[in-house]
Each structure stands twice: as C-alpha cells, then as structure tokens.
Amino acid sequence: MNAIAIAEEAAELEEEAKESVESIRTDSFSLEVMRFEPGDEDPMHAHAEEEIYHVDSGAGKINVEGDITPVSSGDVIHLEPGTDHQFLEFEDELVMSVLYAPAKGANQ
C-alpha cells in the first residue's frame, strides 16, 4: 500500500520553494502533488499522458486551449493526452493531486 498526506506534501513543497513532487510512481500511473501561490506562473503546456487533477485546496483558473474555467477545492479535471493547458490567477495557495496514466513521461 502507498499512502501520502497531501497537506504534508504541500507543506514540504512550500519549505523547499518547489511547485511539485512526484509522490507515487508505478509503470501504469504516477501521482504528483502540485502547489501554486499568487504570483506563480504555469506556462501553457501539454503532456503525452491522461491527466486527472483533483483540487485539494485553494482556488484559481485553468486555461484549456483558450477556454478559461474557475477551479476550487473539490473540483476534478480530466485532460486527454496532448491537451494544451495552464493554471493561472491563483487566489491563494492552490494545492492539487495529479494522476498521470501511464506514469508521467512514459509516453515520451
């Protein structure tokens, strides 16, 4: 069994001034914890894997290929491989769990 505490992972990211950490990795998926705060920038990008974001805390917006949507705690976002996206306009600390399938970078 793998178990992580998202709040603890986010606190470590804040201490280390990092935006993300891969917390679990197998051949079929990986789980990353991400943390943004007001003023941070997430450039437009795409991944070759399926992505499922769970907003654990905070609020902001996601730009998916030009369509901007508010996101907040409890929201789940699914992106198909190759979908251009970015998170922006962080109202406060935004913490998300991101599941990549297969594992992030496996399709490159």
N, C-alpha and C. Protein backbone atom coordinates (compact mmCIF):
# COMPACT_ATOMS: atom_id res chain seq x y z
N MET A 1 0.84 -1.18 0.00
CA MET A 1 0.00 0.00 0.00
C MET A 1 0.88 1.24 0.00
N ASN A 2 0.47 2.21 -0.78
CA ASN A 2 1.11 3.53 -0.77
C ASN A 2 0.11 4.53 -0.20
N ALA A 3 0.55 5.34 0.72
CA ALA A 3 -0.31 6.38 1.30
C ALA A 3 0.51 7.64 1.51
N ILE A 4 -0.07 8.77 1.15
CA ILE A 4 0.59 10.06 1.37
C ILE A 4 -0.41 11.02 2.00
N ALA A 5 0.10 12.00 2.69
CA ALA A 5 -0.72 13.07 3.25
C ALA A 5 -0.50 14.31 2.38
N ILE A 6 -1.51 14.68 1.63
CA ILE A 6 -1.38 15.80 0.69
C ILE A 6 -0.94 17.08 1.39
N ALA A 7 -1.53 17.39 2.53
CA ALA A 7 -1.19 18.62 3.26
C ALA A 7 0.29 18.62 3.66
N GLU A 8 0.80 17.47 4.07
CA GLU A 8 2.22 17.38 4.44
C GLU A 8 3.11 17.56 3.22
N GLU A 9 2.73 16.95 2.10
CA GLU A 9 3.49 17.11 0.86
C GLU A 9 3.51 18.59 0.44
N ALA A 10 2.36 19.26 0.53
CA ALA A 10 2.27 20.68 0.17
C ALA A 10 3.13 21.54 1.08
N ALA A 11 3.16 21.24 2.38
CA ALA A 11 3.98 22.00 3.32
C ALA A 11 5.46 21.84 3.00
N GLU A 12 5.87 20.63 2.62
CA GLU A 12 7.26 20.41 2.23
C GLU A 12 7.60 21.18 0.96
N LEU A 13 6.67 21.21 0.01
CA LEU A 13 6.90 21.98 -1.22
C LEU A 13 7.10 23.46 -0.90
N GLU A 14 6.29 23.98 0.02
CA GLU A 14 6.42 25.38 0.41
C GLU A 14 7.78 25.63 1.04
N GLU A 15 8.21 24.77 1.95
CA GLU A 15 9.51 24.92 2.62
C GLU A 15 10.65 24.88 1.62
N GLU A 16 10.55 24.01 0.62
CA GLU A 16 11.61 23.84 -0.36
C GLU A 16 11.48 24.77 -1.56
N ALA A 17 10.44 25.61 -1.57
CA ALA A 17 10.17 26.54 -2.67
C ALA A 17 10.08 25.81 -4.01
N LYS A 18 9.40 24.66 -4.01
CA LYS A 18 9.18 23.88 -5.22
C LYS A 18 7.70 23.87 -5.56
N GLU A 19 7.38 23.66 -6.84
CA GLU A 19 5.98 23.64 -7.27
C GLU A 19 5.38 22.24 -7.26
N SER A 20 6.20 21.19 -7.36
CA SER A 20 5.62 19.85 -7.42
C SER A 20 6.61 18.79 -6.94
N VAL A 21 6.03 17.64 -6.60
CA VAL A 21 6.81 16.47 -6.22
C VAL A 21 6.06 15.23 -6.67
N GLU A 22 6.78 14.29 -7.27
CA GLU A 22 6.16 13.02 -7.62
C GLU A 22 6.15 12.17 -6.36
N SER A 23 4.96 11.82 -5.90
CA SER A 23 4.80 11.13 -4.63
C SER A 23 4.70 9.62 -4.77
N ILE A 24 4.10 9.16 -5.86
CA ILE A 24 3.95 7.72 -6.12
C ILE A 24 4.21 7.49 -7.60
N ARG A 25 4.93 6.40 -7.91
CA ARG A 25 5.19 6.07 -9.31
C ARG A 25 5.17 4.55 -9.50
N THR A 26 4.40 4.12 -10.49
CA THR A 26 4.42 2.73 -10.94
C THR A 26 4.52 2.79 -12.46
N ASP A 27 4.54 1.64 -13.12
CA ASP A 27 4.57 1.65 -14.58
C ASP A 27 3.27 2.19 -15.17
N SER A 28 2.15 1.96 -14.50
CA SER A 28 0.86 2.31 -15.08
C SER A 28 0.36 3.71 -14.72
N PHE A 29 0.89 4.32 -13.64
CA PHE A 29 0.47 5.67 -13.28
C PHE A 29 1.52 6.33 -12.38
N SER A 30 1.40 7.63 -12.27
CA SER A 30 2.18 8.37 -11.27
C SER A 30 1.27 9.42 -10.64
N LEU A 31 1.58 9.76 -9.41
CA LEU A 31 0.82 10.77 -8.68
C LEU A 31 1.77 11.87 -8.28
N GLU A 32 1.40 13.09 -8.64
CA GLU A 32 2.22 14.27 -8.35
C GLU A 32 1.38 15.22 -7.49
N VAL A 33 2.00 15.83 -6.51
CA VAL A 33 1.36 16.88 -5.74
C VAL A 33 1.92 18.20 -6.24
N MET A 34 1.02 19.13 -6.56
CA MET A 34 1.42 20.44 -7.08
C MET A 34 0.93 21.53 -6.13
N ARG A 35 1.71 22.60 -6.06
CA ARG A 35 1.35 23.72 -5.20
C ARG A 35 1.72 25.02 -5.90
N PHE A 36 0.74 25.92 -6.02
CA PHE A 36 0.97 27.25 -6.58
C PHE A 36 0.47 28.28 -5.58
N GLU A 37 1.01 29.48 -5.68
CA GLU A 37 0.53 30.59 -4.86
C GLU A 37 0.44 31.84 -5.74
N PRO A 38 -0.26 32.88 -5.28
CA PRO A 38 -0.40 34.09 -6.10
C PRO A 38 0.96 34.57 -6.60
N GLY A 39 1.02 34.91 -7.87
CA GLY A 39 2.26 35.37 -8.48
C GLY A 39 3.02 34.28 -9.22
N ASP A 40 2.74 33.01 -8.93
CA ASP A 40 3.39 31.92 -9.65
C ASP A 40 2.87 31.86 -11.08
N GLU A 41 3.70 31.31 -11.97
CA GLU A 41 3.31 31.15 -13.36
C GLU A 41 3.40 29.69 -13.75
N ASP A 42 2.40 29.23 -14.45
CA ASP A 42 2.36 27.88 -15.01
C ASP A 42 2.25 28.06 -16.52
N PRO A 43 3.34 27.89 -17.27
CA PRO A 43 3.27 28.12 -18.71
C PRO A 43 2.34 27.13 -19.41
N MET A 44 1.78 27.55 -20.53
CA MET A 44 0.93 26.67 -21.34
C MET A 44 1.78 25.48 -21.76
N HIS A 45 1.23 24.26 -21.57
CA HIS A 45 1.96 23.05 -21.89
C HIS A 45 0.99 21.89 -22.08
N ALA A 46 1.50 20.76 -22.53
CA ALA A 46 0.69 19.55 -22.70
C ALA A 46 1.54 18.36 -22.28
N HIS A 47 0.88 17.28 -21.91
CA HIS A 47 1.54 16.03 -21.55
C HIS A 47 1.05 14.94 -22.48
N ALA A 48 1.86 13.91 -22.64
CA ALA A 48 1.50 12.80 -23.52
C ALA A 48 0.62 11.76 -22.83
N GLU A 49 0.33 11.96 -21.56
CA GLU A 49 -0.45 11.01 -20.77
C GLU A 49 -1.82 11.58 -20.43
N GLU A 50 -2.75 10.69 -20.06
CA GLU A 50 -4.02 11.13 -19.48
C GLU A 50 -3.69 11.83 -18.17
N GLU A 51 -4.45 12.87 -17.83
CA GLU A 51 -4.23 13.59 -16.57
C GLU A 51 -5.56 13.76 -15.85
N ILE A 52 -5.54 13.52 -14.56
CA ILE A 52 -6.71 13.80 -13.72
C ILE A 52 -6.21 14.65 -12.56
N TYR A 53 -6.73 15.87 -12.48
CA TYR A 53 -6.38 16.80 -11.40
C TYR A 53 -7.49 16.78 -10.36
N HIS A 54 -7.11 16.72 -9.10
CA HIS A 54 -8.05 16.93 -8.01
C HIS A 54 -7.57 18.16 -7.26
N VAL A 55 -8.42 19.18 -7.17
CA VAL A 55 -8.06 20.40 -6.43
C VAL A 55 -8.30 20.10 -4.96
N ASP A 56 -7.20 20.00 -4.21
CA ASP A 56 -7.28 19.66 -2.79
C ASP A 56 -7.63 20.87 -1.94
N SER A 57 -7.06 22.04 -2.29
CA SER A 57 -7.37 23.27 -1.56
C SER A 57 -7.04 24.47 -2.43
N GLY A 58 -7.70 25.57 -2.13
CA GLY A 58 -7.44 26.81 -2.84
C GLY A 58 -8.33 27.00 -4.05
N ALA A 59 -7.99 28.04 -4.82
CA ALA A 59 -8.78 28.39 -5.99
C ALA A 59 -7.90 29.10 -7.01
N GLY A 60 -8.32 29.03 -8.24
CA GLY A 60 -7.64 29.69 -9.35
C GLY A 60 -8.44 29.44 -10.61
N LYS A 61 -7.74 29.42 -11.73
CA LYS A 61 -8.41 29.16 -13.01
C LYS A 61 -7.53 28.23 -13.82
N ILE A 62 -8.15 27.50 -14.74
CA ILE A 62 -7.41 26.68 -15.70
C ILE A 62 -7.76 27.16 -17.10
N ASN A 63 -6.74 27.30 -17.92
CA ASN A 63 -6.89 27.65 -19.33
C ASN A 63 -6.65 26.36 -20.10
N VAL A 64 -7.70 25.84 -20.72
CA VAL A 64 -7.59 24.64 -21.54
C VAL A 64 -7.83 25.05 -22.98
N GLU A 65 -6.72 25.16 -23.72
CA GLU A 65 -6.78 25.52 -25.13
C GLU A 65 -7.64 26.75 -25.37
N GLY A 66 -7.49 27.77 -24.51
CA GLY A 66 -8.19 29.04 -24.66
C GLY A 66 -9.49 29.16 -23.89
N ASP A 67 -9.99 28.07 -23.34
CA ASP A 67 -11.22 28.09 -22.55
C ASP A 67 -10.83 28.19 -21.07
N ILE A 68 -11.13 29.32 -20.44
CA ILE A 68 -10.72 29.57 -19.06
C ILE A 68 -11.89 29.27 -18.12
N THR A 69 -11.60 28.43 -17.11
CA THR A 69 -12.62 27.97 -16.17
C THR A 69 -12.12 28.11 -14.75
N PRO A 70 -12.94 28.64 -13.83
CA PRO A 70 -12.53 28.68 -12.42
C PRO A 70 -12.43 27.26 -11.85
N VAL A 71 -11.49 27.07 -10.94
CA VAL A 71 -11.35 25.80 -10.22
C VAL A 71 -11.21 26.10 -8.74
N SER A 72 -11.74 25.20 -7.91
CA SER A 72 -11.61 25.38 -6.46
C SER A 72 -11.65 24.02 -5.78
N SER A 73 -11.43 24.04 -4.50
CA SER A 73 -11.33 22.83 -3.69
C SER A 73 -12.46 21.85 -4.00
N GLY A 74 -12.08 20.60 -4.25
CA GLY A 74 -13.05 19.56 -4.54
C GLY A 74 -13.26 19.30 -6.02
N ASP A 75 -12.84 20.21 -6.89
CA ASP A 75 -13.02 20.02 -8.33
C ASP A 75 -12.09 18.95 -8.87
N VAL A 76 -12.56 18.26 -9.92
CA VAL A 76 -11.77 17.25 -10.63
C VAL A 76 -11.76 17.64 -12.10
N ILE A 77 -10.58 17.60 -12.71
CA ILE A 77 -10.41 17.97 -14.11
C ILE A 77 -9.73 16.81 -14.82
N HIS A 78 -10.27 16.38 -15.95
CA HIS A 78 -9.64 15.33 -16.76
C HIS A 78 -9.18 15.95 -18.07
N LEU A 79 -7.93 15.67 -18.44
CA LEU A 79 -7.39 16.15 -19.71
C LEU A 79 -6.88 14.96 -20.52
N GLU A 80 -7.26 14.94 -21.79
CA GLU A 80 -6.77 13.92 -22.72
C GLU A 80 -5.30 14.19 -23.04
N PRO A 81 -4.54 13.18 -23.45
CA PRO A 81 -3.15 13.41 -23.85
C PRO A 81 -3.06 14.49 -24.93
N GLY A 82 -2.04 15.32 -24.83
CA GLY A 82 -1.80 16.36 -25.82
C GLY A 82 -2.64 17.61 -25.67
N THR A 83 -3.41 17.75 -24.60
CA THR A 83 -4.26 18.92 -24.40
C THR A 83 -3.43 20.06 -23.81
N ASP A 84 -3.34 21.18 -24.52
CA ASP A 84 -2.63 22.36 -24.00
C ASP A 84 -3.41 22.94 -22.83
N HIS A 85 -2.69 23.26 -21.75
CA HIS A 85 -3.34 23.80 -20.56
C HIS A 85 -2.35 24.56 -19.69
N GLN A 86 -2.91 25.36 -18.80
CA GLN A 86 -2.12 26.06 -17.78
C GLN A 86 -3.06 26.48 -16.66
N PHE A 87 -2.51 26.54 -15.47
CA PHE A 87 -3.24 27.08 -14.32
C PHE A 87 -2.80 28.52 -14.13
N LEU A 88 -3.74 29.38 -13.72
CA LEU A 88 -3.43 30.80 -13.58
C LEU A 88 -4.36 31.46 -12.57
N GLU A 89 -4.07 32.73 -12.29
CA GLU A 89 -4.87 33.57 -11.39
C GLU A 89 -5.15 32.88 -10.05
N PHE A 90 -4.08 32.47 -9.38
CA PHE A 90 -4.21 31.80 -8.09
C PHE A 90 -4.67 32.81 -7.05
N GLU A 91 -5.84 32.57 -6.46
CA GLU A 91 -6.40 33.48 -5.46
C GLU A 91 -5.68 33.36 -4.13
N ASP A 92 -5.20 32.17 -3.85
CA ASP A 92 -4.46 31.87 -2.63
C ASP A 92 -3.63 30.63 -2.95
N GLU A 93 -3.13 29.94 -1.96
CA GLU A 93 -2.39 28.71 -2.24
C GLU A 93 -3.33 27.70 -2.91
N LEU A 94 -2.90 27.16 -4.05
CA LEU A 94 -3.66 26.15 -4.77
C LEU A 94 -2.87 24.86 -4.71
N VAL A 95 -3.47 23.82 -4.11
CA VAL A 95 -2.83 22.51 -3.99
C VAL A 95 -3.66 21.50 -4.76
N MET A 96 -2.97 20.71 -5.61
CA MET A 96 -3.66 19.72 -6.43
C MET A 96 -2.90 18.40 -6.41
N SER A 97 -3.67 17.32 -6.50
CA SER A 97 -3.12 15.99 -6.73
C SER A 97 -3.34 15.69 -8.21
N VAL A 98 -2.29 15.22 -8.89
CA VAL A 98 -2.39 14.96 -10.32
C VAL A 98 -2.03 13.51 -10.60
N LEU A 99 -2.95 12.81 -11.21
CA LEU A 99 -2.72 11.43 -11.59
C LEU A 99 -2.44 11.38 -13.09
N TYR A 100 -1.30 10.80 -13.46
CA TYR A 100 -0.93 10.62 -14.87
C TYR A 100 -1.01 9.13 -15.18
N ALA A 101 -1.62 8.79 -16.33
CA ALA A 101 -1.69 7.39 -16.73
C ALA A 101 -1.39 7.28 -18.22
N PRO A 102 -0.38 6.50 -18.61
CA PRO A 102 0.58 5.86 -17.72
C PRO A 102 1.42 6.89 -16.99
N ALA A 103 2.43 6.46 -16.27
CA ALA A 103 3.25 7.36 -15.46
C ALA A 103 3.78 8.53 -16.30
N LYS A 104 3.88 9.69 -15.67
CA LYS A 104 4.34 10.91 -16.33
C LYS A 104 5.68 10.66 -17.03
N GLY A 105 5.73 11.01 -18.30
CA GLY A 105 6.93 10.84 -19.10
C GLY A 105 7.06 9.49 -19.77
N ALA A 106 6.19 8.55 -19.46
CA ALA A 106 6.28 7.20 -20.02
C ALA A 106 6.01 7.18 -21.54
N ASN A 107 5.23 8.12 -22.04
CA ASN A 107 4.87 8.14 -23.45
C ASN A 107 5.78 9.04 -24.29
N GLN A 108 6.86 9.51 -23.73
CA GLN A 108 7.74 10.41 -24.50
C GLN A 108 8.79 9.65 -25.26
